[in-house]
Amino acid sequence: MTTNKVSCGFSGYTARLAAGTAVNHCTIIGHVNDIHSINERITEIATMPYIER
C-alpha cells in the first residue's frame, strides 16, 4: 500500500460575532452509497435538533 487511507476534512470560515453571541460549527461524518439519499433529506439533516438527536 502506498497511500494513506485515513479520512480527514477541513472547514474554514470567518464570523464576526457581537458580544454575547456564539456560532455553532457541526460536522457530520458517515457514508452512503448514493449521495441523492442525503440530498433528499438535507433540510432535515442540516438542523441542530437532528444533529443533537
C-alpha atoms as a PDB file:
ATOM      1  CA  MET A   1       0.000   0.000   0.000  1.00  0.00           C
ATOM      2  CA  THR A   2       1.422   3.376  -0.977  1.00  0.00           C
ATOM      3  CA  THR A   3      -1.434   5.644   0.078  1.00  0.00           C
ATOM      4  CA  ASN A   4      -2.814   6.787   3.387  1.00  0.00           C
ATOM      5  CA  LYS A   5      -6.429   5.740   3.940  1.00  0.00           C
ATOM      6  CA  VAL A   6      -7.079   7.962   6.958  1.00  0.00           C
ATOM      7  CA  SER A   7     -10.073  10.209   6.335  1.00  0.00           C
ATOM      8  CA  CYS A   8      -9.810  13.898   7.065  1.00  0.00           C
ATOM      9  CA  GLY A   9     -11.662  17.097   6.427  1.00  0.00           C
ATOM     10  CA  PHE A  10     -11.163  20.807   6.815  1.00  0.00           C
ATOM     11  CA  SER A  11     -13.604  23.655   7.334  1.00  0.00           C
ATOM     12  CA  GLY A  12     -12.859  27.301   7.418  1.00  0.00           C
ATOM     13  CA  TYR A  13     -14.942  30.407   7.669  1.00  0.00           C
ATOM     14  CA  THR A  14     -14.897  33.899   9.043  1.00  0.00           C
ATOM     15  CA  ALA A  15     -17.501  35.071  11.522  1.00  0.00           C
ATOM     16  CA  ARG A  16     -17.916  38.413  13.246  1.00  0.00           C
ATOM     17  CA  LEU A  17     -19.759  37.959  16.495  1.00  0.00           C
ATOM     18  CA  ALA A  18     -21.332  40.600  18.634  1.00  0.00           C
ATOM     19  CA  ALA A  19     -20.653  40.464  22.351  1.00  0.00           C
ATOM     20  CA  GLY A  20     -22.572  37.634  23.984  1.00  0.00           C
ATOM     21  CA  THR A  21     -23.292  35.738  20.753  1.00  0.00           C
ATOM     22  CA  ALA A  22     -21.979  32.410  19.508  1.00  0.00           C
ATOM     23  CA  VAL A  23     -21.645  30.328  16.387  1.00  0.00           C
ATOM     24  CA  ASN A  24     -22.181  26.562  16.136  1.00  0.00           C
ATOM     25  CA  HIS A  25     -19.980  24.590  13.788  1.00  0.00           C
ATOM     26  CA  CYS A  26     -21.018  20.964  13.334  1.00  0.00           C
ATOM     27  CA  THR A  27     -19.551  18.204  11.240  1.00  0.00           C
ATOM     28  CA  ILE A  28     -21.412  15.053  10.308  1.00  0.00           C
ATOM     29  CA  ILE A  29     -19.285  12.108   9.262  1.00  0.00           C
ATOM     30  CA  GLY A  30     -20.606   8.972   7.658  1.00  0.00           C
ATOM     31  CA  HIS A  31     -21.031   7.013   4.467  1.00  0.00           C
ATOM     32  CA  VAL A  32     -23.838   6.482   1.983  1.00  0.00           C
ATOM     33  CA  ASN A  33     -23.867   4.525  -1.243  1.00  0.00           C
ATOM     34  CA  ASP A  34     -25.835   7.226  -3.030  1.00  0.00           C
ATOM     35  CA  ILE A  35     -25.443  10.974  -2.371  1.00  0.00           C
ATOM     36  CA  HIS A  36     -29.037  11.506  -3.526  1.00  0.00           C
ATOM     37  CA  SER A  37     -30.266   9.887  -0.307  1.00  0.00           C
ATOM     38  CA  ILE A  38     -28.563  12.704   1.632  1.00  0.00           C
ATOM     39  CA  ASN A  39     -29.621  15.456  -0.748  1.00  0.00           C
ATOM     40  CA  GLU A  40     -33.264  14.385  -0.448  1.00  0.00           C
ATOM     41  CA  ARG A  41     -33.155  14.897   3.348  1.00  0.00           C
ATOM     42  CA  ILE A  42     -30.768  17.858   3.620  1.00  0.00           C
ATOM     43  CA  THR A  43     -33.346  20.245   5.089  1.00  0.00           C
ATOM     44  CA  GLU A  44     -33.961  17.750   7.901  1.00  0.00           C
ATOM     45  CA  ILE A  45     -30.363  16.630   8.422  1.00  0.00           C
ATOM     46  CA  ALA A  46     -28.787  20.100   8.443  1.00  0.00           C
ATOM     47  CA  THR A  47     -30.591  21.225  11.607  1.00  0.00           C
ATOM     48  CA  MET A  48     -29.400  21.363  15.202  1.00  0.00           C
ATOM     49  CA  PRO A  49     -32.273  19.186  16.517  1.00  0.00           C
ATOM     50  CA  TYR A  50     -31.326  16.418  14.077  1.00  0.00           C
ATOM     51  CA  ILE A  51     -27.622  16.689  14.911  1.00  0.00           C
ATOM     52  CA  GLU A  52     -28.289  16.735  18.662  1.00  0.00           C
ATOM     53  CA  ARG A  53     -30.539  13.698  18.354  1.00  0.00           C
END
